[in-house]
């Protein structure tokens, strides 16, 4: 990024922000002038992301999303570095299992929920108490189309994302009117996280999408930028489906 816009004065915390959708969101927010704190497990990847985003616009905190101490440190870092945290993007997630529900290891299911749902609530609680309760802001939870319709063989992930959609509605109700809370439900986006769904067969996978391609991180970044902007000031408790039209295929004919 060679030329950065003037600072907007706003600050975002993006979990899972070193690559993929999280990085796409961070990039979109920095591109409009926001400063960002990104989190993730890999310090090297986080350092590289900060270099790309601009060291004067971004800082990082390494740690595991479900670790409450890490959540607290990330929010504290935002306050120390930038003095505020207007936006929270809950993007960190995991999907470590592929198979039928009948054979699902319940310990793995608990890990999926801990990372995908409980961590999002933990970050939201800490952001609320640190800044948003008194100053307002917005939260965007990255859900999935797997949380809206059955997704065979990734059911644990899908059920966790359905829970995140409901969590979005619950938080939107409780955090109003100070804080708006919305979710984004992407279909398959070309990231390392999702590559098992299209690797070696991208053209075949994309052919079922009416728009003729899979998603890219900037598609979700643009949606998150909208949901944290003044243009969405009267939008809360909603789930924005960003799916290249794939749900249209459920129609008749």
C-alpha atoms as a PDB file:
ATOM      1  CA  UNK A   1       0.000   0.000   0.000  1.00  0.00           C
ATOM      2  CA  UNK A   2       1.926   3.021  -1.254  1.00  0.00           C
ATOM      3  CA  UNK A   3      -0.407   5.921  -0.539  1.00  0.00           C
ATOM      4  CA  UNK A   4      -2.550   5.889   2.576  1.00  0.00           C
ATOM      5  CA  UNK A   5      -5.623   8.092   3.093  1.00  0.00           C
ATOM      6  CA  UNK A   6      -5.941  10.600   5.897  1.00  0.00           C
ATOM      7  CA  UNK A   7      -6.766   9.031   9.234  1.00  0.00           C
ATOM      8  CA  UNK A   8     -10.474   8.649   9.942  1.00  0.00           C
ATOM      9  CA  UNK A   9      -9.965   8.707  13.702  1.00  0.00           C
ATOM     10  CA  UNK A  10     -11.608   5.282  14.001  1.00  0.00           C
ATOM     11  CA  UNK A  11      -9.982   2.077  15.241  1.00  0.00           C
ATOM     12  CA  UNK A  12     -10.892  -1.550  14.558  1.00  0.00           C
ATOM     13  CA  UNK A  13      -9.914  -4.806  16.222  1.00  0.00           C
ATOM     14  CA  UNK A  14      -9.886  -7.647  13.675  1.00  0.00           C
ATOM     15  CA  UNK A  15      -9.462 -11.170  15.011  1.00  0.00           C
ATOM     16  CA  UNK A  16      -7.812 -13.703  12.757  1.00  0.00           C
ATOM     17  CA  UNK A  17      -6.466 -10.761  10.779  1.00  0.00           C
ATOM     18  CA  UNK A  18      -3.114 -11.983   9.486  1.00  0.00           C
ATOM     19  CA  UNK A  19      -4.450 -13.546   6.284  1.00  0.00           C
ATOM     20  CA  UNK A  20      -7.554 -14.546   4.347  1.00  0.00           C
ATOM     21  CA  UNK A  21     -10.855 -12.875   5.161  1.00  0.00           C
ATOM     22  CA  UNK A  22      -9.486 -11.174   8.282  1.00  0.00           C
ATOM     23  CA  UNK A  23      -6.670  -9.564   6.354  1.00  0.00           C
ATOM     24  CA  UNK A  24      -9.098  -8.570   3.602  1.00  0.00           C
ATOM     25  CA  UNK A  25     -11.215  -6.785   6.188  1.00  0.00           C
ATOM     26  CA  UNK A  26      -8.211  -5.083   7.799  1.00  0.00           C
ATOM     27  CA  UNK A  27      -6.997  -3.955   4.383  1.00  0.00           C
ATOM     28  CA  UNK A  28     -10.400  -2.454   3.514  1.00  0.00           C
ATOM     29  CA  UNK A  29     -10.577  -0.547   6.791  1.00  0.00           C
ATOM     30  CA  UNK A  30      -7.036   0.789   6.517  1.00  0.00           C
ATOM     31  CA  UNK A  31      -7.776   1.819   2.921  1.00  0.00           C
ATOM     32  CA  UNK A  32     -10.478   4.193   4.164  1.00  0.00           C
ATOM     33  CA  UNK A  33      -8.306   5.641   6.924  1.00  0.00           C
ATOM     34  CA  UNK A  34      -9.013   3.490   9.966  1.00  0.00           C
ATOM     35  CA  UNK A  35      -6.274   2.078  12.171  1.00  0.00           C
ATOM     36  CA  UNK A  36      -6.395  -1.583  13.078  1.00  0.00           C
ATOM     37  CA  UNK A  37      -5.261  -4.086  15.671  1.00  0.00           C
ATOM     38  CA  UNK A  38      -5.038  -7.576  14.192  1.00  0.00           C
ATOM     39  CA  UNK A  39      -4.801 -10.843  16.064  1.00  0.00           C
ATOM     40  CA  UNK A  40      -3.812 -14.378  15.112  1.00  0.00           C
ATOM     41  CA  UNK A  41      -1.768 -17.347  16.245  1.00  0.00           C
ATOM     42  CA  UNK A  42       1.285 -16.904  14.011  1.00  0.00           C
ATOM     43  CA  UNK A  43       3.593 -14.042  14.923  1.00  0.00           C
ATOM     44  CA  UNK A  44       5.512 -14.120  11.635  1.00  0.00           C
ATOM     45  CA  UNK A  45       2.318 -13.883   9.593  1.00  0.00           C
ATOM     46  CA  UNK A  46       1.087 -11.033  11.801  1.00  0.00           C
ATOM     47  CA  UNK A  47       4.347  -9.120  11.404  1.00  0.00           C
ATOM     48  CA  UNK A  48       4.151  -9.474   7.636  1.00  0.00           C
ATOM     49  CA  UNK A  49       0.536  -8.303   7.617  1.00  0.00           C
ATOM     50  CA  UNK A  50       1.404  -5.203   9.673  1.00  0.00           C
ATOM     51  CA  UNK A  51       4.219  -4.373   7.255  1.00  0.00           C
ATOM     52  CA  UNK A  52       1.788  -4.589   4.344  1.00  0.00           C
ATOM     53  CA  UNK A  53      -0.911  -2.584   6.096  1.00  0.00           C
ATOM     54  CA  UNK A  54       1.510   0.075   7.330  1.00  0.00           C
ATOM     55  CA  UNK A  55       3.249   0.100  10.688  1.00  0.00           C
ATOM     56  CA  UNK A  56       1.725   3.495  11.518  1.00  0.00           C
ATOM     57  CA  UNK A  57      -1.770   2.163  10.846  1.00  0.00           C
ATOM     58  CA  UNK A  58      -1.634  -1.355  12.293  1.00  0.00           C
ATOM     59  CA  UNK A  59      -0.367  -3.282  15.290  1.00  0.00           C
ATOM     60  CA  UNK A  60      -0.723  -6.941  16.158  1.00  0.00           C
ATOM     61  CA  UNK A  61      -1.255  -9.216  19.144  1.00  0.00           C
ATOM     62  CA  UNK A  62      -0.427 -12.911  18.828  1.00  0.00           C
ATOM     63  CA  UNK A  63      -2.477 -15.490  20.690  1.00  0.00           C
ATOM     64  CA  UNK A  64      -5.312 -17.999  20.566  1.00  0.00           C
ATOM     65  CA  UNK A  65      -8.767 -16.531  20.077  1.00  0.00           C
ATOM     66  CA  UNK A  66     -10.427 -18.669  22.756  1.00  0.00           C
ATOM     67  CA  UNK A  67      -7.886 -17.608  25.418  1.00  0.00           C
ATOM     68  CA  UNK A  68      -9.549 -15.008  27.628  1.00  0.00           C
ATOM     69  CA  UNK A  69      -6.185 -13.549  28.635  1.00  0.00           C
ATOM     70  CA  UNK A  70      -5.358 -13.032  24.948  1.00  0.00           C
ATOM     71  CA  UNK A  71      -8.720 -11.343  24.390  1.00  0.00           C
ATOM     72  CA  UNK A  72      -8.012  -8.939  27.234  1.00  0.00           C
ATOM     73  CA  UNK A  73      -4.495  -8.176  25.989  1.00  0.00           C
ATOM     74  CA  UNK A  74      -5.751  -7.497  22.449  1.00  0.00           C
ATOM     75  CA  UNK A  75      -8.321  -4.977  23.639  1.00  0.00           C
ATOM     76  CA  UNK A  76      -5.807  -3.391  26.021  1.00  0.00           C
ATOM     77  CA  UNK A  77      -3.318  -3.095  23.143  1.00  0.00           C
ATOM     78  CA  UNK A  78      -5.890  -1.261  21.060  1.00  0.00           C
ATOM     79  CA  UNK A  79      -6.535   1.181  23.877  1.00  0.00           C
ATOM     80  CA  UNK A  80      -2.840   1.688  24.579  1.00  0.00           C
ATOM     81  CA  UNK A  81      -1.833   2.105  20.935  1.00  0.00           C
ATOM     82  CA  UNK A  82      -4.771   4.112  19.626  1.00  0.00           C
ATOM     83  CA  UNK A  83      -6.886   5.144  22.612  1.00  0.00           C
ATOM     84  CA  UNK A  84     -10.131   3.599  21.387  1.00  0.00           C
ATOM     85  CA  UNK A  85     -11.710   0.580  19.698  1.00  0.00           C
ATOM     86  CA  UNK A  86     -14.729   1.594  17.643  1.00  0.00           C
ATOM     87  CA  UNK A  87     -15.176  -1.582  15.623  1.00  0.00           C
ATOM     88  CA  UNK A  88     -14.783  -5.256  16.416  1.00  0.00           C
ATOM     89  CA  UNK A  89     -14.596  -7.785  13.590  1.00  0.00           C
ATOM     90  CA  UNK A  90     -14.967 -11.307  14.977  1.00  0.00           C
ATOM     91  CA  UNK A  91     -13.334 -13.350  12.225  1.00  0.00           C
ATOM     92  CA  UNK A  92     -11.202 -15.927  14.057  1.00  0.00           C
ATOM     93  CA  UNK A  93     -12.514 -19.425  13.471  1.00  0.00           C
ATOM     94  CA  UNK A  94     -11.645 -23.080  13.074  1.00  0.00           C
ATOM     95  CA  UNK A  95     -12.956 -26.119  11.218  1.00  0.00           C
ATOM     96  CA  UNK A  96     -10.706 -29.034  12.187  1.00  0.00           C
ATOM     97  CA  UNK A  97     -13.057 -31.876  11.252  1.00  0.00           C
ATOM     98  CA  UNK A  98     -14.652 -33.209   8.058  1.00  0.00           C
ATOM     99  CA  UNK A  99     -17.191 -36.005   8.366  1.00  0.00           C
ATOM    100  CA  UNK A 100     -20.707 -36.997   9.406  1.00  0.00           C
ATOM    101  CA  UNK A 101     -22.291 -35.893  12.666  1.00  0.00           C
ATOM    102  CA  UNK A 102     -22.861 -39.517  13.680  1.00  0.00           C
ATOM    103  CA  UNK A 103     -19.109 -39.981  14.080  1.00  0.00           C
ATOM    104  CA  UNK A 104     -18.194 -36.505  15.322  1.00  0.00           C
ATOM    105  CA  UNK A 105     -15.793 -36.422  18.255  1.00  0.00           C
ATOM    106  CA  UNK A 106     -17.561 -34.346  20.900  1.00  0.00           C
ATOM    107  CA  UNK A 107     -14.270 -32.915  22.118  1.00  0.00           C
ATOM    108  CA  UNK A 108     -13.678 -31.534  18.639  1.00  0.00           C
ATOM    109  CA  UNK A 109     -17.205 -30.129  18.579  1.00  0.00           C
ATOM    110  CA  UNK A 110     -16.505 -28.303  21.840  1.00  0.00           C
ATOM    111  CA  UNK A 111     -13.292 -26.852  20.375  1.00  0.00           C
ATOM    112  CA  UNK A 112     -15.186 -25.580  17.328  1.00  0.00           C
ATOM    113  CA  UNK A 113     -17.746 -23.812  19.521  1.00  0.00           C
ATOM    114  CA  UNK A 114     -15.092 -22.452  21.871  1.00  0.00           C
ATOM    115  CA  UNK A 115     -13.190 -20.844  19.012  1.00  0.00           C
ATOM    116  CA  UNK A 116     -16.024 -19.850  16.695  1.00  0.00           C
ATOM    117  CA  UNK A 117     -18.675 -18.693  19.165  1.00  0.00           C
ATOM    118  CA  UNK A 118     -17.456 -18.272  22.739  1.00  0.00           C
ATOM    119  CA  UNK A 119     -14.362 -16.336  21.671  1.00  0.00           C
ATOM    120  CA  UNK A 120     -16.547 -13.921  19.691  1.00  0.00           C
ATOM    121  CA  UNK A 121     -18.639 -13.277  22.781  1.00  0.00           C
ATOM    122  CA  UNK A 122     -15.503 -12.823  24.880  1.00  0.00           C
ATOM    123  CA  UNK A 123     -14.022 -10.242  22.515  1.00  0.00           C
ATOM    124  CA  UNK A 124     -17.378  -8.448  22.349  1.00  0.00           C
ATOM    125  CA  UNK A 125     -17.667  -8.283  26.140  1.00  0.00           C
ATOM    126  CA  UNK A 126     -14.186  -6.850  26.526  1.00  0.00           C
ATOM    127  CA  UNK A 127     -14.595  -4.341  23.703  1.00  0.00           C
ATOM    128  CA  UNK A 128     -17.935  -3.258  25.154  1.00  0.00           C
ATOM    129  CA  UNK A 129     -16.512  -2.568  28.596  1.00  0.00           C
ATOM    130  CA  UNK A 130     -13.310  -0.938  27.334  1.00  0.00           C
ATOM    131  CA  UNK A 131     -14.872   1.552  24.908  1.00  0.00           C
ATOM    132  CA  UNK A 132     -18.141   0.829  23.157  1.00  0.00           C
ATOM    133  CA  UNK A 133     -20.472   0.960  26.175  1.00  0.00           C
ATOM    134  CA  UNK A 134     -19.826   4.681  26.604  1.00  0.00           C
ATOM    135  CA  UNK A 135     -18.759   5.689  23.114  1.00  0.00           C
ATOM    136  CA  UNK A 136     -20.640   3.488  20.662  1.00  0.00           C
ATOM    137  CA  UNK A 137     -19.369   1.618  17.649  1.00  0.00           C
ATOM    138  CA  UNK A 138     -20.117  -1.495  15.638  1.00  0.00           C
ATOM    139  CA  UNK A 139     -19.453  -5.221  15.727  1.00  0.00           C
ATOM    140  CA  UNK A 140     -19.328  -7.488  12.675  1.00  0.00           C
ATOM    141  CA  UNK A 141     -19.343 -11.250  13.162  1.00  0.00           C
ATOM    142  CA  UNK A 142     -18.064 -13.364  10.281  1.00  0.00           C
ATOM    143  CA  UNK A 143     -20.533 -16.236  10.023  1.00  0.00           C
ATOM    144  CA  UNK A 144     -21.053 -18.480   6.971  1.00  0.00           C
ATOM    145  CA  UNK A 145     -23.716 -19.724   4.583  1.00  0.00           C
ATOM    146  CA  UNK A 146     -23.074 -23.027   6.380  1.00  0.00           C
ATOM    147  CA  UNK A 147     -24.917 -21.463   9.308  1.00  0.00           C
ATOM    148  CA  UNK A 148     -28.003 -20.828   7.191  1.00  0.00           C
ATOM    149  CA  UNK A 149     -28.452 -24.121   5.375  1.00  0.00           C
ATOM    150  CA  UNK A 150     -27.193 -27.679   5.942  1.00  0.00           C
ATOM    151  CA  UNK A 151     -23.587 -28.254   4.908  1.00  0.00           C
ATOM    152  CA  UNK A 152     -22.823 -31.984   4.821  1.00  0.00           C
ATOM    153  CA  UNK A 153     -19.552 -33.083   6.394  1.00  0.00           C
ATOM    154  CA  UNK A 154     -18.814 -29.685   7.978  1.00  0.00           C
ATOM    155  CA  UNK A 155     -21.857 -29.770  10.247  1.00  0.00           C
ATOM    156  CA  UNK A 156     -20.040 -28.783  13.452  1.00  0.00           C
ATOM    157  CA  UNK A 157     -18.724 -25.685  11.703  1.00  0.00           C
ATOM    158  CA  UNK A 158     -22.174 -24.923  10.294  1.00  0.00           C
ATOM    159  CA  UNK A 159     -23.920 -25.295  13.634  1.00  0.00           C
ATOM    160  CA  UNK A 160     -21.350 -22.992  15.244  1.00  0.00           C
ATOM    161  CA  UNK A 161     -21.968 -20.381  12.561  1.00  0.00           C
ATOM    162  CA  UNK A 162     -25.726 -20.676  13.087  1.00  0.00           C
ATOM    163  CA  UNK A 163     -25.036 -19.966  16.745  1.00  0.00           C
ATOM    164  CA  UNK A 164     -22.973 -16.938  15.735  1.00  0.00           C
ATOM    165  CA  UNK A 165     -25.889 -15.598  13.695  1.00  0.00           C
ATOM    166  CA  UNK A 166     -28.160 -15.888  16.730  1.00  0.00           C
ATOM    167  CA  UNK A 167     -25.446 -14.386  18.926  1.00  0.00           C
ATOM    168  CA  UNK A 168     -25.413 -11.441  16.529  1.00  0.00           C
ATOM    169  CA  UNK A 169     -29.129 -10.904  17.041  1.00  0.00           C
ATOM    170  CA  UNK A 170     -28.868 -11.218  20.812  1.00  0.00           C
ATOM    171  CA  UNK A 171     -25.991  -8.747  21.038  1.00  0.00           C
ATOM    172  CA  UNK A 172     -27.689  -6.343  18.631  1.00  0.00           C
ATOM    173  CA  UNK A 173     -30.699  -6.258  20.931  1.00  0.00           C
ATOM    174  CA  UNK A 174     -28.723  -5.863  24.148  1.00  0.00           C
ATOM    175  CA  UNK A 175     -26.053  -3.463  22.894  1.00  0.00           C
ATOM    176  CA  UNK A 176     -28.483  -1.055  21.217  1.00  0.00           C
ATOM    177  CA  UNK A 177     -28.658   1.871  20.831  1.00  0.00           C
ATOM    178  CA  UNK A 178     -24.954   2.468  21.404  1.00  0.00           C
ATOM    179  CA  UNK A 179     -23.548  -0.371  19.295  1.00  0.00           C
ATOM    180  CA  UNK A 180     -24.767  -1.910  16.063  1.00  0.00           C
ATOM    181  CA  UNK A 181     -24.094  -5.639  15.634  1.00  0.00           C
ATOM    182  CA  UNK A 182     -24.347  -7.434  12.291  1.00  0.00           C
ATOM    183  CA  UNK A 183     -22.987 -10.576  10.659  1.00  0.00           C
ATOM    184  CA  UNK A 184     -21.647 -11.509   7.246  1.00  0.00           C
ATOM    185  CA  UNK A 185     -22.321 -14.979   5.845  1.00  0.00           C
ATOM    186  CA  UNK A 186     -19.873 -15.731   3.031  1.00  0.00           C
ATOM    187  CA  UNK A 187     -19.984 -18.715   0.713  1.00  0.00           C
ATOM    188  CA  UNK A 188     -16.625 -20.211  -0.371  1.00  0.00           C
ATOM    189  CA  UNK A 189     -13.898 -17.578  -0.339  1.00  0.00           C
ATOM    190  CA  UNK A 190     -10.466 -18.300  -1.792  1.00  0.00           C
ATOM    191  CA  UNK A 191      -8.366 -18.551   1.351  1.00  0.00           C
ATOM    192  CA  UNK A 192      -6.018 -21.085   2.872  1.00  0.00           C
ATOM    193  CA  UNK A 193      -8.743 -21.853   5.416  1.00  0.00           C
ATOM    194  CA  UNK A 194     -11.187 -22.940   2.688  1.00  0.00           C
ATOM    195  CA  UNK A 195      -8.850 -24.348   0.054  1.00  0.00           C
ATOM    196  CA  UNK A 196      -9.891 -27.949   0.742  1.00  0.00           C
ATOM    197  CA  UNK A 197     -13.270 -27.008  -0.736  1.00  0.00           C
ATOM    198  CA  UNK A 198     -11.878 -25.944  -4.118  1.00  0.00           C
ATOM    199  CA  UNK A 199      -8.195 -26.909  -4.431  1.00  0.00           C
ATOM    200  CA  UNK A 200      -7.538 -28.590  -7.757  1.00  0.00           C
ATOM    201  CA  UNK A 201     -11.107 -28.028  -8.914  1.00  0.00           C
ATOM    202  CA  UNK A 202     -11.682 -24.282  -8.720  1.00  0.00           C
ATOM    203  CA  UNK A 203     -13.323 -23.991 -12.133  1.00  0.00           C
ATOM    204  CA  UNK A 204     -15.710 -26.799 -11.278  1.00  0.00           C
ATOM    205  CA  UNK A 205     -16.499 -25.285  -7.874  1.00  0.00           C
ATOM    206  CA  UNK A 206     -17.054 -21.810  -9.344  1.00  0.00           C
ATOM    207  CA  UNK A 207     -19.318 -23.084 -12.110  1.00  0.00           C
ATOM    208  CA  UNK A 208     -22.205 -23.514  -9.681  1.00  0.00           C
ATOM    209  CA  UNK A 209     -22.099 -19.834  -8.680  1.00  0.00           C
ATOM    210  CA  UNK A 210     -24.358 -17.576 -10.772  1.00  0.00           C
ATOM    211  CA  UNK A 211     -21.678 -14.860 -10.689  1.00  0.00           C
ATOM    212  CA  UNK A 212     -19.192 -17.350 -12.104  1.00  0.00           C
ATOM    213  CA  UNK A 213     -16.451 -17.201  -9.495  1.00  0.00           C
ATOM    214  CA  UNK A 214     -15.562 -17.949  -5.908  1.00  0.00           C
ATOM    215  CA  UNK A 215     -15.262 -15.141  -3.425  1.00  0.00           C
ATOM    216  CA  UNK A 216     -12.045 -13.330  -2.572  1.00  0.00           C
ATOM    217  CA  UNK A 217     -11.174 -11.663   0.755  1.00  0.00           C
ATOM    218  CA  UNK A 218     -11.810  -8.169  -0.593  1.00  0.00           C
ATOM    219  CA  UNK A 219     -15.454  -9.120  -1.219  1.00  0.00           C
ATOM    220  CA  UNK A 220     -15.891  -9.625   2.509  1.00  0.00           C
ATOM    221  CA  UNK A 221     -13.706  -6.629   3.315  1.00  0.00           C
ATOM    222  CA  UNK A 222     -16.054  -4.388   1.355  1.00  0.00           C
ATOM    223  CA  UNK A 223     -19.080  -5.772   3.171  1.00  0.00           C
ATOM    224  CA  UNK A 224     -17.426  -5.233   6.558  1.00  0.00           C
ATOM    225  CA  UNK A 225     -16.475  -1.684   5.579  1.00  0.00           C
ATOM    226  CA  UNK A 226     -20.127  -0.985   4.773  1.00  0.00           C
ATOM    227  CA  UNK A 227     -21.388  -2.470   8.038  1.00  0.00           C
ATOM    228  CA  UNK A 228     -18.964  -0.315  10.035  1.00  0.00           C
ATOM    229  CA  UNK A 229     -19.746   2.874   8.099  1.00  0.00           C
ATOM    230  CA  UNK A 230     -22.248   5.685   8.521  1.00  0.00           C
ATOM    231  CA  UNK A 231     -24.092   4.320   5.475  1.00  0.00           C
ATOM    232  CA  UNK A 232     -25.315   1.413   7.634  1.00  0.00           C
ATOM    233  CA  UNK A 233     -26.319   3.531  10.627  1.00  0.00           C
ATOM    234  CA  UNK A 234     -29.844   2.085  10.663  1.00  0.00           C
ATOM    235  CA  UNK A 235     -28.807  -1.541  10.210  1.00  0.00           C
ATOM    236  CA  UNK A 236     -28.414  -3.869  13.163  1.00  0.00           C
ATOM    237  CA  UNK A 237     -29.094  -7.519  13.964  1.00  0.00           C
ATOM    238  CA  UNK A 238     -28.830  -8.494  10.310  1.00  0.00           C
ATOM    239  CA  UNK A 239     -26.861 -11.163   8.462  1.00  0.00           C
ATOM    240  CA  UNK A 240     -25.571 -10.018   5.087  1.00  0.00           C
ATOM    241  CA  UNK A 241     -25.194 -13.009   2.763  1.00  0.00           C
ATOM    242  CA  UNK A 242     -22.217 -12.568   0.419  1.00  0.00           C
ATOM    243  CA  UNK A 243     -22.372 -15.689  -1.704  1.00  0.00           C
ATOM    244  CA  UNK A 244     -21.955 -14.968  -5.390  1.00  0.00           C
ATOM    245  CA  UNK A 245     -25.597 -15.953  -5.826  1.00  0.00           C
ATOM    246  CA  UNK A 246     -25.135 -19.590  -4.802  1.00  0.00           C
ATOM    247  CA  UNK A 247     -28.389 -19.626  -2.803  1.00  0.00           C
ATOM    248  CA  UNK A 248     -30.290 -18.779  -5.982  1.00  0.00           C
ATOM    249  CA  UNK A 249     -29.689 -22.351  -7.054  1.00  0.00           C
ATOM    250  CA  UNK A 250     -32.171 -23.528  -4.446  1.00  0.00           C
ATOM    251  CA  UNK A 251     -34.986 -22.135  -6.544  1.00  0.00           C
ATOM    252  CA  UNK A 252     -37.277 -24.161  -8.793  1.00  0.00           C
ATOM    253  CA  UNK A 253     -36.395 -24.453 -12.482  1.00  0.00           C
END
